[in-house]
Amino acid sequence: MRSLTMRAVLTKGFMDSAALLALLLPAMAISQVRTQPSPAEESKAPVEHFPSASFDQLAATRALDRGSATIQGLACSYHGGLMFVAKNSPVMLFPVTPYYEEWMQMRKQMKGKELVVMSSEAFQTRIDTKTDDGGNFRFSEIKPGRYIVVVQQSFTEARAVPIYAGTAVNSYGDSADYYRNEDRSISHNDELIGDVVVKKEGDVSKATLAGGKMTLAARMLPCR
């Protein structure tokens, strides 16, 4: 009798546990959710566009041989109707070959739309310098030929921006909006590209590179 009672208790306990487990299993299954990013959420790597012309390493290297000419230039950009000289900015000089010329045209046409790059060999075949505090740069010992000049200008502009502060109404029912100035820091990253021709040995050739949001006056007299 005692063994039957114990068996009944064990059987009842087993049934209660099984019932509880049966109730828990669906909840446990529901709580496990696997997610995957949708195609729209997956970040797409930018497509790189290269010039179709083949790069002639030997011709490019020879074009950068030492000469006796000089290239002097000035670089600036325009934002909000103001001019900013390219202070202490890196300047790169590339010789004009079919490859570099195609890259320059693609870079200008696809600016802000597509990523236009050049091969690592082409990028490494260049002469580097830097602008001074006035945005002036200089390349010396250059041989006659045509060159592409690229200036990378990055700077932060401090600007007072008007912010709406409220509206006042006088006794006649006239209203006027009031604004207060708030200092903001605005980052700019401009790529300035131009070309220059050195006609003969000993010449000093001038180059002015301007970019950003230029007005008509700025286009006529850049960096002035």
N, C-alpha and C. Protein backbone atom coordinates (compact mmCIF):
# COMPACT_ATOMS: atom_id res chain seq x y z
N MET A 1 0.83 -1.21 0.00
CA MET A 1 0.00 0.00 0.00
C MET A 1 0.85 1.24 0.00
N ARG A 2 1.93 1.18 0.82
CA ARG A 2 2.82 2.34 0.89
C ARG A 2 3.54 2.56 -0.42
N SER A 3 3.98 1.46 -1.04
CA SER A 3 4.69 1.58 -2.32
C SER A 3 3.78 2.10 -3.42
N LEU A 4 2.50 1.71 -3.36
CA LEU A 4 1.56 2.21 -4.36
C LEU A 4 1.32 3.69 -4.19
N THR A 5 1.24 4.13 -2.94
CA THR A 5 1.04 5.56 -2.68
C THR A 5 2.24 6.37 -3.15
N MET A 6 3.44 5.86 -2.85
CA MET A 6 4.66 6.56 -3.30
C MET A 6 4.72 6.63 -4.81
N ARG A 7 4.35 5.52 -5.45
CA ARG A 7 4.37 5.50 -6.93
C ARG A 7 3.37 6.49 -7.50
N ALA A 8 2.22 6.60 -6.84
CA ALA A 8 1.21 7.55 -7.30
C ALA A 8 1.70 8.97 -7.17
N VAL A 9 2.39 9.24 -6.07
CA VAL A 9 2.93 10.60 -5.87
C VAL A 9 3.98 10.91 -6.93
N LEU A 10 4.87 9.94 -7.19
CA LEU A 10 5.91 10.15 -8.20
C LEU A 10 5.31 10.34 -9.58
N THR A 11 4.26 9.50 -9.84
CA THR A 11 3.61 9.61 -11.15
C THR A 11 2.95 10.96 -11.31
N LYS A 12 2.29 11.42 -10.24
CA LYS A 12 1.63 12.73 -10.30
C LYS A 12 2.66 13.85 -10.48
N GLY A 13 3.79 13.71 -9.73
CA GLY A 13 4.83 14.73 -9.87
C GLY A 13 5.42 14.76 -11.27
N PHE A 14 5.60 13.58 -11.84
CA PHE A 14 6.13 13.52 -13.21
C PHE A 14 5.17 14.14 -14.20
N MET A 15 3.87 13.88 -14.00
CA MET A 15 2.86 14.44 -14.90
C MET A 15 2.80 15.95 -14.77
N ASP A 16 2.89 16.44 -13.52
CA ASP A 16 2.89 17.89 -13.33
C ASP A 16 4.10 18.52 -13.99
N SER A 17 5.28 17.90 -13.87
CA SER A 17 6.50 18.43 -14.50
C SER A 17 6.39 18.42 -16.02
N ALA A 18 5.83 17.35 -16.54
CA ALA A 18 5.67 17.24 -17.99
C ALA A 18 4.72 18.30 -18.51
N ALA A 19 3.64 18.52 -17.72
CA ALA A 19 2.67 19.55 -18.14
C ALA A 19 3.30 20.93 -18.11
N LEU A 20 4.09 21.17 -17.05
CA LEU A 20 4.77 22.47 -16.95
C LEU A 20 5.76 22.66 -18.09
N LEU A 21 6.51 21.60 -18.41
CA LEU A 21 7.48 21.68 -19.50
C LEU A 21 6.78 21.91 -20.83
N ALA A 22 5.61 21.27 -20.99
CA ALA A 22 4.86 21.46 -22.23
C ALA A 22 4.38 22.89 -22.39
N LEU A 23 4.07 23.53 -21.25
CA LEU A 23 3.65 24.93 -21.31
C LEU A 23 4.82 25.86 -21.58
N LEU A 24 6.00 25.50 -21.03
CA LEU A 24 7.17 26.38 -21.17
C LEU A 24 7.80 26.29 -22.55
N LEU A 25 7.77 25.12 -23.16
CA LEU A 25 8.47 24.94 -24.44
C LEU A 25 7.98 25.89 -25.52
N PRO A 26 6.66 26.07 -25.71
CA PRO A 26 6.22 27.02 -26.74
C PRO A 26 6.69 28.42 -26.46
N ALA A 27 6.67 28.82 -25.16
CA ALA A 27 7.12 30.17 -24.82
C ALA A 27 8.59 30.33 -25.11
N MET A 28 9.37 29.27 -24.79
CA MET A 28 10.81 29.34 -25.06
C MET A 28 11.07 29.41 -26.56
N ALA A 29 10.27 28.68 -27.32
CA ALA A 29 10.47 28.69 -28.77
C ALA A 29 10.12 30.05 -29.35
N ILE A 30 9.08 30.67 -28.83
CA ILE A 30 8.66 31.97 -29.33
C ILE A 30 9.67 33.05 -29.00
N SER A 31 10.32 32.92 -27.82
CA SER A 31 11.26 33.96 -27.40
C SER A 31 12.54 33.96 -28.21
N GLN A 32 12.82 32.89 -28.93
CA GLN A 32 14.04 32.81 -29.73
C GLN A 32 13.75 33.31 -31.14
N VAL A 33 14.27 34.48 -31.44
CA VAL A 33 14.00 35.10 -32.74
C VAL A 33 15.33 35.39 -33.43
N ARG A 34 15.48 34.96 -34.64
CA ARG A 34 16.68 35.23 -35.43
C ARG A 34 16.38 36.32 -36.45
N THR A 35 17.25 37.30 -36.50
CA THR A 35 17.05 38.42 -37.43
C THR A 35 18.22 38.51 -38.39
N GLN A 36 17.95 38.97 -39.57
CA GLN A 36 18.97 39.21 -40.58
C GLN A 36 18.70 40.55 -41.24
N PRO A 37 19.77 41.27 -41.62
CA PRO A 37 19.54 42.57 -42.27
C PRO A 37 18.89 42.39 -43.63
N SER A 38 17.98 43.26 -43.92
CA SER A 38 17.34 43.24 -45.24
C SER A 38 18.31 43.82 -46.26
N PRO A 39 18.11 43.54 -47.54
CA PRO A 39 19.03 44.09 -48.56
C PRO A 39 19.16 45.60 -48.50
N ALA A 40 18.09 46.29 -48.12
CA ALA A 40 18.14 47.76 -48.06
C ALA A 40 19.01 48.23 -46.91
N GLU A 41 19.13 47.39 -45.85
CA GLU A 41 19.91 47.80 -44.69
C GLU A 41 21.39 47.52 -44.87
N GLU A 42 21.74 46.63 -45.77
CA GLU A 42 23.14 46.29 -45.97
C GLU A 42 23.86 47.45 -46.63
N SER A 43 24.98 47.82 -46.01
CA SER A 43 25.76 48.94 -46.55
C SER A 43 26.46 48.52 -47.83
N LYS A 44 26.36 49.36 -48.82
CA LYS A 44 26.99 49.07 -50.11
C LYS A 44 28.31 49.81 -50.21
N ALA A 45 29.36 49.09 -50.56
CA ALA A 45 30.66 49.71 -50.74
C ALA A 45 30.61 50.57 -52.00
N PRO A 46 31.20 51.77 -51.94
CA PRO A 46 31.17 52.64 -53.12
C PRO A 46 31.91 52.01 -54.29
N VAL A 47 31.37 52.20 -55.48
CA VAL A 47 31.98 51.66 -56.68
C VAL A 47 33.09 52.60 -57.13
N GLU A 48 34.27 52.06 -57.32
CA GLU A 48 35.42 52.86 -57.75
C GLU A 48 35.49 52.88 -59.27
N HIS A 49 35.70 54.07 -59.83
CA HIS A 49 35.83 54.23 -61.27
C HIS A 49 37.27 54.63 -61.60
N PHE A 50 37.90 53.87 -62.48
CA PHE A 50 39.28 54.13 -62.90
C PHE A 50 39.29 54.62 -64.35
N PRO A 51 40.31 55.39 -64.72
CA PRO A 51 40.45 55.76 -66.13
C PRO A 51 40.59 54.52 -67.00
N SER A 52 40.05 54.58 -68.20
CA SER A 52 40.15 53.44 -69.11
C SER A 52 41.50 53.39 -69.82
N ALA A 53 42.19 54.53 -69.90
CA ALA A 53 43.51 54.57 -70.55
C ALA A 53 44.52 53.80 -69.71
N SER A 54 45.48 53.20 -70.38
CA SER A 54 46.53 52.49 -69.66
C SER A 54 47.54 53.48 -69.09
N PHE A 55 48.09 53.15 -67.93
CA PHE A 55 49.05 54.04 -67.29
C PHE A 55 50.46 53.69 -67.75
N ASP A 56 51.15 54.70 -68.31
CA ASP A 56 52.53 54.53 -68.79
C ASP A 56 53.47 55.04 -67.71
N GLN A 57 53.98 54.12 -66.91
CA GLN A 57 54.85 54.48 -65.78
C GLN A 57 56.11 55.19 -66.25
N LEU A 58 56.72 54.71 -67.31
CA LEU A 58 57.97 55.28 -67.80
C LEU A 58 57.77 56.70 -68.29
N ALA A 59 56.72 56.94 -69.07
CA ALA A 59 56.46 58.29 -69.60
C ALA A 59 56.15 59.26 -68.47
N ALA A 60 55.39 58.83 -67.47
CA ALA A 60 55.04 59.70 -66.35
C ALA A 60 56.27 60.05 -65.53
N THR A 61 57.14 59.08 -65.31
CA THR A 61 58.35 59.33 -64.53
C THR A 61 59.28 60.29 -65.26
N ARG A 62 59.43 60.11 -66.57
CA ARG A 62 60.29 61.00 -67.36
C ARG A 62 59.74 62.41 -67.39
N ALA A 63 58.41 62.55 -67.38
CA ALA A 63 57.80 63.89 -67.41
C ALA A 63 58.09 64.67 -66.13
N LEU A 64 58.43 63.96 -65.07
CA LEU A 64 58.74 64.61 -63.80
C LEU A 64 60.24 64.77 -63.56
N ASP A 65 61.04 64.55 -64.62
CA ASP A 65 62.49 64.78 -64.50
C ASP A 65 62.76 66.23 -64.14
N ARG A 66 63.92 66.48 -63.57
CA ARG A 66 64.29 67.84 -63.15
C ARG A 66 64.51 68.76 -64.35
N GLY A 67 64.06 70.00 -64.18
CA GLY A 67 64.29 71.03 -65.18
C GLY A 67 64.68 72.32 -64.48
N SER A 68 64.49 73.44 -65.15
CA SER A 68 64.86 74.73 -64.55
C SER A 68 63.67 75.68 -64.44
N ALA A 69 62.47 75.20 -64.70
CA ALA A 69 61.28 76.06 -64.63
C ALA A 69 60.65 75.98 -63.23
N THR A 70 59.70 76.89 -63.00
CA THR A 70 59.03 76.98 -61.69
C THR A 70 57.53 77.16 -61.90
N ILE A 71 56.76 76.54 -61.03
CA ILE A 71 55.31 76.74 -60.99
C ILE A 71 54.96 77.40 -59.67
N GLN A 72 54.34 78.57 -59.74
CA GLN A 72 53.89 79.28 -58.54
C GLN A 72 52.37 79.36 -58.58
N GLY A 73 51.74 79.14 -57.44
CA GLY A 73 50.28 79.14 -57.44
C GLY A 73 49.66 79.64 -56.16
N LEU A 74 48.34 79.82 -56.23
CA LEU A 74 47.54 80.26 -55.10
C LEU A 74 46.26 79.43 -55.09
N ALA A 75 45.84 78.98 -53.92
CA ALA A 75 44.65 78.12 -53.81
C ALA A 75 43.70 78.68 -52.76
N CYS A 76 42.41 78.59 -53.06
CA CYS A 76 41.39 79.08 -52.13
C CYS A 76 40.06 78.40 -52.42
N SER A 77 39.10 78.59 -51.53
CA SER A 77 37.74 78.09 -51.75
C SER A 77 36.75 79.12 -51.23
N TYR A 78 35.50 78.99 -51.67
CA TYR A 78 34.45 79.95 -51.31
C TYR A 78 33.28 79.22 -50.64
N HIS A 79 32.84 79.80 -49.52
CA HIS A 79 31.68 79.26 -48.80
C HIS A 79 30.93 80.41 -48.15
N GLY A 80 29.62 80.45 -48.36
CA GLY A 80 28.82 81.49 -47.74
C GLY A 80 29.19 82.89 -48.18
N GLY A 81 29.68 83.02 -49.42
CA GLY A 81 30.08 84.33 -49.92
C GLY A 81 31.42 84.80 -49.42
N LEU A 82 32.13 83.97 -48.68
CA LEU A 82 33.44 84.33 -48.15
C LEU A 82 34.53 83.50 -48.81
N MET A 83 35.73 84.09 -48.90
CA MET A 83 36.87 83.39 -49.47
C MET A 83 37.77 82.87 -48.35
N PHE A 84 38.25 81.65 -48.51
CA PHE A 84 39.15 81.04 -47.54
C PHE A 84 40.38 80.52 -48.28
N VAL A 85 41.55 81.08 -47.98
CA VAL A 85 42.77 80.60 -48.62
C VAL A 85 43.11 79.22 -48.05
N ALA A 86 43.72 78.41 -48.87
CA ALA A 86 44.07 77.04 -48.47
C ALA A 86 45.37 77.07 -47.66
N LYS A 87 45.23 77.28 -46.36
CA LYS A 87 46.40 77.38 -45.49
C LYS A 87 46.99 76.01 -45.19
N ASN A 88 48.31 75.92 -45.35
CA ASN A 88 49.05 74.71 -44.96
C ASN A 88 48.37 73.43 -45.47
N SER A 89 48.02 73.45 -46.73
CA SER A 89 47.32 72.32 -47.35
C SER A 89 48.26 71.55 -48.28
N PRO A 90 48.12 70.23 -48.37
CA PRO A 90 48.97 69.45 -49.28
C PRO A 90 48.65 69.74 -50.74
N VAL A 91 49.70 69.81 -51.54
CA VAL A 91 49.56 70.07 -52.98
C VAL A 91 50.30 68.97 -53.73
N MET A 92 49.66 68.40 -54.75
CA MET A 92 50.25 67.33 -55.54
C MET A 92 50.35 67.75 -57.00
N LEU A 93 51.46 67.40 -57.62
CA LEU A 93 51.70 67.73 -59.03
C LEU A 93 51.84 66.43 -59.83
N PHE A 94 50.98 66.27 -60.84
CA PHE A 94 51.03 65.11 -61.73
C PHE A 94 51.30 65.58 -63.15
N PRO A 95 52.06 64.82 -63.93
CA PRO A 95 52.24 65.17 -65.34
C PRO A 95 50.99 64.82 -66.13
N VAL A 96 50.71 65.58 -67.16
CA VAL A 96 49.54 65.27 -67.99
C VAL A 96 49.92 64.21 -69.02
N THR A 97 49.36 63.04 -68.82
CA THR A 97 49.43 61.94 -69.79
C THR A 97 47.98 61.55 -70.09
N PRO A 98 47.72 60.72 -71.09
CA PRO A 98 46.33 60.33 -71.35
C PRO A 98 45.63 59.77 -70.12
N TYR A 99 46.36 59.04 -69.29
CA TYR A 99 45.76 58.45 -68.09
C TYR A 99 45.36 59.54 -67.10
N TYR A 100 46.29 60.45 -66.77
CA TYR A 100 46.00 61.50 -65.79
C TYR A 100 44.93 62.47 -66.31
N GLU A 101 44.97 62.76 -67.60
CA GLU A 101 43.99 63.70 -68.15
C GLU A 101 42.58 63.11 -68.07
N GLU A 102 42.46 61.82 -68.36
CA GLU A 102 41.14 61.19 -68.25
C GLU A 102 40.68 61.18 -66.79
N TRP A 103 41.61 60.92 -65.88
CA TRP A 103 41.26 60.96 -64.45
C TRP A 103 40.75 62.34 -64.04
N MET A 104 41.43 63.39 -64.50
CA MET A 104 41.03 64.75 -64.14
C MET A 104 39.63 65.07 -64.66
N GLN A 105 39.35 64.70 -65.91
CA GLN A 105 38.04 64.98 -66.48
C GLN A 105 36.94 64.18 -65.77
N MET A 106 37.22 62.94 -65.46
CA MET A 106 36.25 62.12 -64.74
C MET A 106 36.00 62.68 -63.34
N ARG A 107 37.06 63.13 -62.71
CA ARG A 107 36.95 63.67 -61.35
C ARG A 107 36.06 64.91 -61.33
N LYS A 108 36.21 65.75 -62.34
CA LYS A 108 35.40 66.96 -62.41
C LYS A 108 33.95 66.65 -62.75
N GLN A 109 33.74 65.74 -63.70
CA GLN A 109 32.38 65.43 -64.16
C GLN A 109 31.58 64.66 -63.11
N MET A 110 32.23 63.78 -62.37
CA MET A 110 31.53 62.94 -61.40
C MET A 110 31.67 63.44 -59.97
N LYS A 111 32.11 64.66 -59.81
CA LYS A 111 32.33 65.21 -58.47
C LYS A 111 31.06 65.14 -57.63
N GLY A 112 31.17 64.53 -56.46
CA GLY A 112 30.03 64.41 -55.56
C GLY A 112 29.04 63.33 -55.94
N LYS A 113 29.27 62.63 -57.06
CA LYS A 113 28.33 61.60 -57.52
C LYS A 113 28.95 60.21 -57.48
N GLU A 114 30.14 60.08 -58.03
CA GLU A 114 30.81 58.80 -58.09
C GLU A 114 32.24 58.93 -57.55
N LEU A 115 32.80 57.80 -57.15
CA LEU A 115 34.16 57.78 -56.62
C LEU A 115 35.13 57.48 -57.76
N VAL A 116 35.91 58.48 -58.14
CA VAL A 116 36.90 58.34 -59.21
C VAL A 116 38.29 58.28 -58.59
N VAL A 117 39.01 57.23 -58.89
CA VAL A 117 40.34 57.03 -58.31
C VAL A 117 41.32 56.69 -59.42
N MET A 118 42.61 56.72 -59.05
CA MET A 118 43.66 56.30 -59.97
C MET A 118 44.41 55.13 -59.34
N SER A 119 45.16 54.43 -60.14
CA SER A 119 45.91 53.29 -59.63
C SER A 119 46.96 53.75 -58.63
N SER A 120 47.41 52.83 -57.79
CA SER A 120 48.41 53.18 -56.79
C SER A 120 49.72 53.60 -57.45
N GLU A 121 50.07 52.98 -58.58
CA GLU A 121 51.30 53.36 -59.29
C GLU A 121 51.19 54.78 -59.82
N ALA A 122 50.03 55.14 -60.35
CA ALA A 122 49.84 56.50 -60.87
C ALA A 122 49.85 57.52 -59.74
N PHE A 123 49.22 57.18 -58.62
CA PHE A 123 49.16 58.11 -57.50
C PHE A 123 50.54 58.36 -56.90
N GLN A 124 51.38 57.36 -56.90
CA GLN A 124 52.71 57.50 -56.32
C GLN A 124 53.68 58.24 -57.24
N THR A 125 53.32 58.40 -58.50
CA THR A 125 54.18 59.11 -59.45
C THR A 125 53.78 60.58 -59.45
N ARG A 126 54.33 61.35 -58.55
CA ARG A 126 53.93 62.75 -58.37
C ARG A 126 55.02 63.50 -57.61
N ILE A 127 54.85 64.83 -57.52
CA ILE A 127 55.70 65.68 -56.69
C ILE A 127 54.81 66.36 -55.66
N ASP A 128 55.23 66.37 -54.42
CA ASP A 128 54.44 66.94 -53.32
C ASP A 128 55.05 68.23 -52.79
N THR A 129 54.19 69.13 -52.37
CA THR A 129 54.60 70.32 -51.63
C THR A 129 53.45 70.72 -50.72
N LYS A 130 53.52 71.91 -50.15
CA LYS A 130 52.49 72.37 -49.22
C LYS A 130 52.32 73.87 -49.35
N THR A 131 51.11 74.35 -49.14
CA THR A 131 50.87 75.80 -49.19
C THR A 131 51.35 76.45 -47.90
N ASP A 132 51.56 77.78 -47.96
CA ASP A 132 51.90 78.51 -46.76
C ASP A 132 50.63 79.07 -46.12
N ASP A 133 50.78 79.96 -45.15
CA ASP A 133 49.61 80.52 -44.46
C ASP A 133 48.73 81.36 -45.38
N GLY A 134 49.30 81.81 -46.50
CA GLY A 134 48.53 82.63 -47.44
C GLY A 134 47.94 81.84 -48.59
N GLY A 135 48.09 80.50 -48.56
CA GLY A 135 47.57 79.67 -49.64
C GLY A 135 48.47 79.60 -50.86
N ASN A 136 49.71 80.10 -50.75
CA ASN A 136 50.65 80.09 -51.87
C ASN A 136 51.45 78.78 -51.89
N PHE A 137 51.74 78.29 -53.09
CA PHE A 137 52.58 77.10 -53.22
C PHE A 137 53.57 77.29 -54.37
N ARG A 138 54.58 76.43 -54.39
CA ARG A 138 55.65 76.57 -55.38
C ARG A 138 56.26 75.20 -55.67
N PHE A 139 56.43 74.92 -56.97
CA PHE A 139 57.17 73.75 -57.43
C PHE A 139 58.38 74.26 -58.22
N SER A 140 59.56 73.86 -57.82
CA SER A 140 60.78 74.30 -58.51
C SER A 140 61.42 73.12 -59.24
N GLU A 141 62.36 73.46 -60.12
CA GLU A 141 63.10 72.47 -60.92
C GLU A 141 62.15 71.59 -61.73
N ILE A 142 61.25 72.26 -62.44
CA ILE A 142 60.27 71.57 -63.28
C ILE A 142 60.68 71.71 -64.74
N LYS A 143 60.48 70.67 -65.53
CA LYS A 143 60.79 70.74 -66.95
C LYS A 143 59.55 71.20 -67.73
N PRO A 144 59.72 71.71 -68.95
CA PRO A 144 58.57 72.14 -69.76
C PRO A 144 57.57 71.01 -69.97
N GLY A 145 56.29 71.38 -69.97
CA GLY A 145 55.23 70.39 -70.16
C GLY A 145 53.94 70.86 -69.52
N ARG A 146 52.96 70.01 -69.56
CA ARG A 146 51.65 70.32 -68.96
C ARG A 146 51.46 69.47 -67.72
N TYR A 147 50.92 70.11 -66.67
CA TYR A 147 50.81 69.43 -65.38
C TYR A 147 49.42 69.62 -64.78
N ILE A 148 49.04 68.68 -63.93
CA ILE A 148 47.81 68.76 -63.14
C ILE A 148 48.20 69.07 -61.70
N VAL A 149 47.55 70.07 -61.13
CA VAL A 149 47.80 70.45 -59.74
C VAL A 149 46.55 70.13 -58.92
N VAL A 150 46.74 69.43 -57.81
CA VAL A 150 45.62 69.05 -56.93
C VAL A 150 45.92 69.53 -55.52
N VAL A 151 44.99 70.30 -54.96
CA VAL A 151 45.12 70.80 -53.58
C VAL A 151 43.98 70.22 -52.76
N GLN A 152 44.32 69.64 -51.62
CA GLN A 152 43.32 69.12 -50.69
C GLN A 152 43.20 70.11 -49.53
N GLN A 153 42.07 70.83 -49.50
CA GLN A 153 41.86 71.85 -48.47
C GLN A 153 40.80 71.39 -47.47
N SER A 154 41.20 71.24 -46.22
CA SER A 154 40.28 70.86 -45.15
C SER A 154 40.42 71.87 -44.02
N PHE A 155 39.30 72.44 -43.61
CA PHE A 155 39.34 73.44 -42.54
C PHE A 155 37.98 73.54 -41.87
N THR A 156 37.97 74.19 -40.71
CA THR A 156 36.74 74.41 -39.96
C THR A 156 36.45 75.90 -39.91
N GLU A 157 35.25 76.25 -40.32
CA GLU A 157 34.83 77.65 -40.35
C GLU A 157 33.98 77.96 -39.13
N ALA A 158 34.32 79.05 -38.44
CA ALA A 158 33.50 79.53 -37.32
C ALA A 158 32.53 80.57 -37.86
N ARG A 159 31.24 80.29 -37.71
CA ARG A 159 30.24 81.18 -38.28
C ARG A 159 29.12 81.44 -37.27
N ALA A 160 28.66 82.71 -37.22
CA ALA A 160 27.52 83.07 -36.38
C ALA A 160 26.24 82.84 -37.17
N VAL A 161 25.39 81.94 -36.70
CA VAL A 161 24.16 81.57 -37.40
C VAL A 161 22.96 82.15 -36.65
N PRO A 162 22.06 82.89 -37.34
CA PRO A 162 20.88 83.43 -36.66
C PRO A 162 19.89 82.33 -36.28
N ILE A 163 19.48 82.31 -35.02
CA ILE A 163 18.55 81.31 -34.51
C ILE A 163 17.28 82.02 -34.03
N TYR A 164 16.13 81.51 -34.43
CA TYR A 164 14.85 82.10 -34.02
C TYR A 164 14.71 82.07 -32.50
N ALA A 165 14.42 83.24 -31.91
CA ALA A 165 14.32 83.35 -30.45
C ALA A 165 12.91 83.62 -29.96
N GLY A 166 12.01 83.99 -30.85
CA GLY A 166 10.64 84.23 -30.43
C GLY A 166 9.98 85.33 -31.24
N THR A 167 8.71 85.59 -30.94
CA THR A 167 7.93 86.61 -31.63
C THR A 167 7.30 87.55 -30.61
N ALA A 168 7.40 88.84 -30.88
CA ALA A 168 6.80 89.85 -29.99
C ALA A 168 5.65 90.54 -30.71
N VAL A 169 4.59 90.81 -29.98
CA VAL A 169 3.40 91.48 -30.53
C VAL A 169 3.15 92.76 -29.74
N ASN A 170 3.04 93.90 -30.46
CA ASN A 170 2.80 95.16 -29.76
C ASN A 170 1.30 95.38 -29.53
N SER A 171 0.97 96.52 -28.95
CA SER A 171 -0.43 96.81 -28.60
C SER A 171 -1.32 96.99 -29.82
N TYR A 172 -0.73 97.25 -30.98
CA TYR A 172 -1.51 97.41 -32.20
C TYR A 172 -1.72 96.08 -32.94
N GLY A 173 -1.15 95.03 -32.39
CA GLY A 173 -1.30 93.72 -33.02
C GLY A 173 -0.21 93.39 -34.03
N ASP A 174 0.76 94.30 -34.21
CA ASP A 174 1.87 94.02 -35.12
C ASP A 174 2.84 93.05 -34.45
N SER A 175 3.35 92.12 -35.23
CA SER A 175 4.29 91.13 -34.69
C SER A 175 5.64 91.24 -35.37
N ALA A 176 6.66 90.84 -34.65
CA ALA A 176 8.03 90.85 -35.18
C ALA A 176 8.78 89.66 -34.61
N ASP A 177 9.50 88.97 -35.48
CA ASP A 177 10.31 87.84 -35.03
C ASP A 177 11.67 88.32 -34.56
N TYR A 178 12.18 87.68 -33.53
CA TYR A 178 13.48 88.04 -32.99
C TYR A 178 14.43 86.85 -33.14
N TYR A 179 15.68 87.18 -33.43
CA TYR A 179 16.70 86.15 -33.62
C TYR A 179 17.92 86.47 -32.77
N ARG A 180 18.64 85.42 -32.42
CA ARG A 180 19.91 85.59 -31.72
C ARG A 180 20.98 84.83 -32.50
N ASN A 181 22.20 85.30 -32.42
CA ASN A 181 23.30 84.65 -33.12
C ASN A 181 23.89 83.52 -32.28
N GLU A 182 24.11 82.42 -32.92
CA GLU A 182 24.72 81.26 -32.25
C GLU A 182 25.94 80.83 -33.03
N ASP A 183 27.07 80.68 -32.33
CA ASP A 183 28.32 80.29 -32.99
C ASP A 183 28.27 78.82 -33.39
N ARG A 184 28.62 78.56 -34.63
CA ARG A 184 28.65 77.19 -35.15
C ARG A 184 30.00 76.92 -35.80
N SER A 185 30.43 75.68 -35.74
CA SER A 185 31.66 75.25 -36.42
C SER A 185 31.25 74.39 -37.61
N ILE A 186 31.67 74.79 -38.79
CA ILE A 186 31.30 74.10 -40.02
C ILE A 186 32.56 73.56 -40.68
N SER A 187 32.59 72.26 -40.93
CA SER A 187 33.76 71.63 -41.55
C SER A 187 33.62 71.63 -43.07
N HIS A 188 34.72 71.94 -43.74
CA HIS A 188 34.76 71.94 -45.20
C HIS A 188 35.91 71.06 -45.68
N ASN A 189 35.65 70.29 -46.71
CA ASN A 189 36.69 69.48 -47.36
C ASN A 189 36.57 69.70 -48.86
N ASP A 190 37.52 70.45 -49.40
CA ASP A 190 37.47 70.83 -50.81
C ASP A 190 38.66 70.25 -51.56
N GLU A 191 38.39 69.74 -52.75
CA GLU A 191 39.46 69.31 -53.65
C GLU A 191 39.54 70.31 -54.78
N LEU A 192 40.68 70.95 -54.91
CA LEU A 192 40.88 71.97 -55.94
C LEU A 192 41.78 71.38 -57.01
N ILE A 193 41.30 71.36 -58.25
CA ILE A 193 42.05 70.76 -59.36
C ILE A 193 42.20 71.78 -60.48
N GLY A 194 43.39 71.86 -61.02
CA GLY A 194 43.66 72.73 -62.17
C GLY A 194 44.84 72.22 -62.96
N ASP A 195 45.06 72.79 -64.11
CA ASP A 195 46.23 72.41 -64.90
C ASP A 195 47.02 73.66 -65.27
N VAL A 196 48.29 73.47 -65.52
CA VAL A 196 49.19 74.58 -65.84
C VAL A 196 50.19 74.10 -66.89
N VAL A 197 50.57 75.02 -67.78
CA VAL A 197 51.52 74.69 -68.85
C VAL A 197 52.82 75.44 -68.61
N VAL A 198 53.91 74.70 -68.63
CA VAL A 198 55.25 75.29 -68.57
C VAL A 198 55.81 75.27 -69.99
N LYS A 199 56.02 76.45 -70.56
CA LYS A 199 56.38 76.53 -71.98
C LYS A 199 57.84 76.23 -72.25
N LYS A 200 58.73 76.78 -71.43
CA LYS A 200 60.16 76.54 -71.71
C LYS A 200 60.96 76.58 -70.42
N GLU A 201 62.18 76.10 -70.50
CA GLU A 201 63.08 76.07 -69.35
C GLU A 201 63.29 77.49 -68.81
N GLY A 202 63.33 77.60 -67.50
CA GLY A 202 63.57 78.89 -66.86
C GLY A 202 62.32 79.72 -66.64
N ASP A 203 61.20 79.32 -67.23
CA ASP A 203 59.95 80.09 -67.06
C ASP A 203 59.39 79.95 -65.65
N VAL A 204 58.61 80.96 -65.26
CA VAL A 204 57.84 80.90 -64.02
C VAL A 204 56.36 80.92 -64.42
N SER A 205 55.69 79.80 -64.28
CA SER A 205 54.29 79.69 -64.69
C SER A 205 53.38 79.86 -63.47
N LYS A 206 52.25 80.55 -63.69
CA LYS A 206 51.32 80.86 -62.60
C LYS A 206 50.10 79.93 -62.67
N ALA A 207 49.59 79.58 -61.50
CA ALA A 207 48.39 78.74 -61.42
C ALA A 207 47.54 79.20 -60.25
N THR A 208 46.24 79.37 -60.50
CA THR A 208 45.29 79.74 -59.44
C THR A 208 44.21 78.68 -59.39
N LEU A 209 44.05 78.07 -58.22
CA LEU A 209 43.05 77.02 -58.04
C LEU A 209 42.00 77.49 -57.05
N ALA A 210 40.74 77.43 -57.46
CA ALA A 210 39.64 77.86 -56.60
C ALA A 210 38.52 76.84 -56.67
N GLY A 211 37.78 76.71 -55.57
CA GLY A 211 36.68 75.76 -55.53
C GLY A 211 35.64 76.17 -54.51
N GLY A 212 34.82 75.21 -54.12
CA GLY A 212 33.73 75.52 -53.20
C GLY A 212 32.53 76.07 -53.95
N LYS A 213 31.76 76.91 -53.30
CA LYS A 213 30.57 77.51 -53.90
C LYS A 213 30.92 78.91 -54.39
N MET A 214 31.39 78.96 -55.65
CA MET A 214 31.91 80.20 -56.20
C MET A 214 30.81 81.05 -56.84
N THR A 215 30.91 82.35 -56.64
CA THR A 215 30.01 83.30 -57.30
C THR A 215 30.59 83.63 -58.67
N LEU A 216 29.84 84.38 -59.48
CA LEU A 216 30.32 84.77 -60.80
C LEU A 216 31.57 85.63 -60.68
N ALA A 217 31.57 86.55 -59.72
CA ALA A 217 32.74 87.42 -59.52
C ALA A 217 33.95 86.60 -59.11
N ALA A 218 33.74 85.58 -58.28
CA ALA A 218 34.85 84.73 -57.85
C ALA A 218 35.41 83.93 -59.02
N ARG A 219 34.54 83.54 -59.95
CA ARG A 219 35.02 82.79 -61.12
C ARG A 219 35.83 83.69 -62.05
N MET A 220 35.46 84.96 -62.11
CA MET A 220 36.18 85.88 -62.99
C MET A 220 37.52 86.29 -62.38
N LEU A 221 37.54 86.51 -61.07
CA LEU A 221 38.77 86.90 -60.38
C LEU A 221 38.96 85.99 -59.16
N PRO A 222 39.38 84.76 -59.37
CA PRO A 222 39.48 83.82 -58.25
C PRO A 222 40.58 84.19 -57.26
N CYS A 223 40.29 83.90 -56.00
CA CYS A 223 41.25 84.10 -54.90
C CYS A 223 41.69 85.54 -54.74
N ARG A 224 40.78 86.50 -55.03
CA ARG A 224 41.12 87.92 -54.86
C ARG A 224 40.06 88.62 -54.03
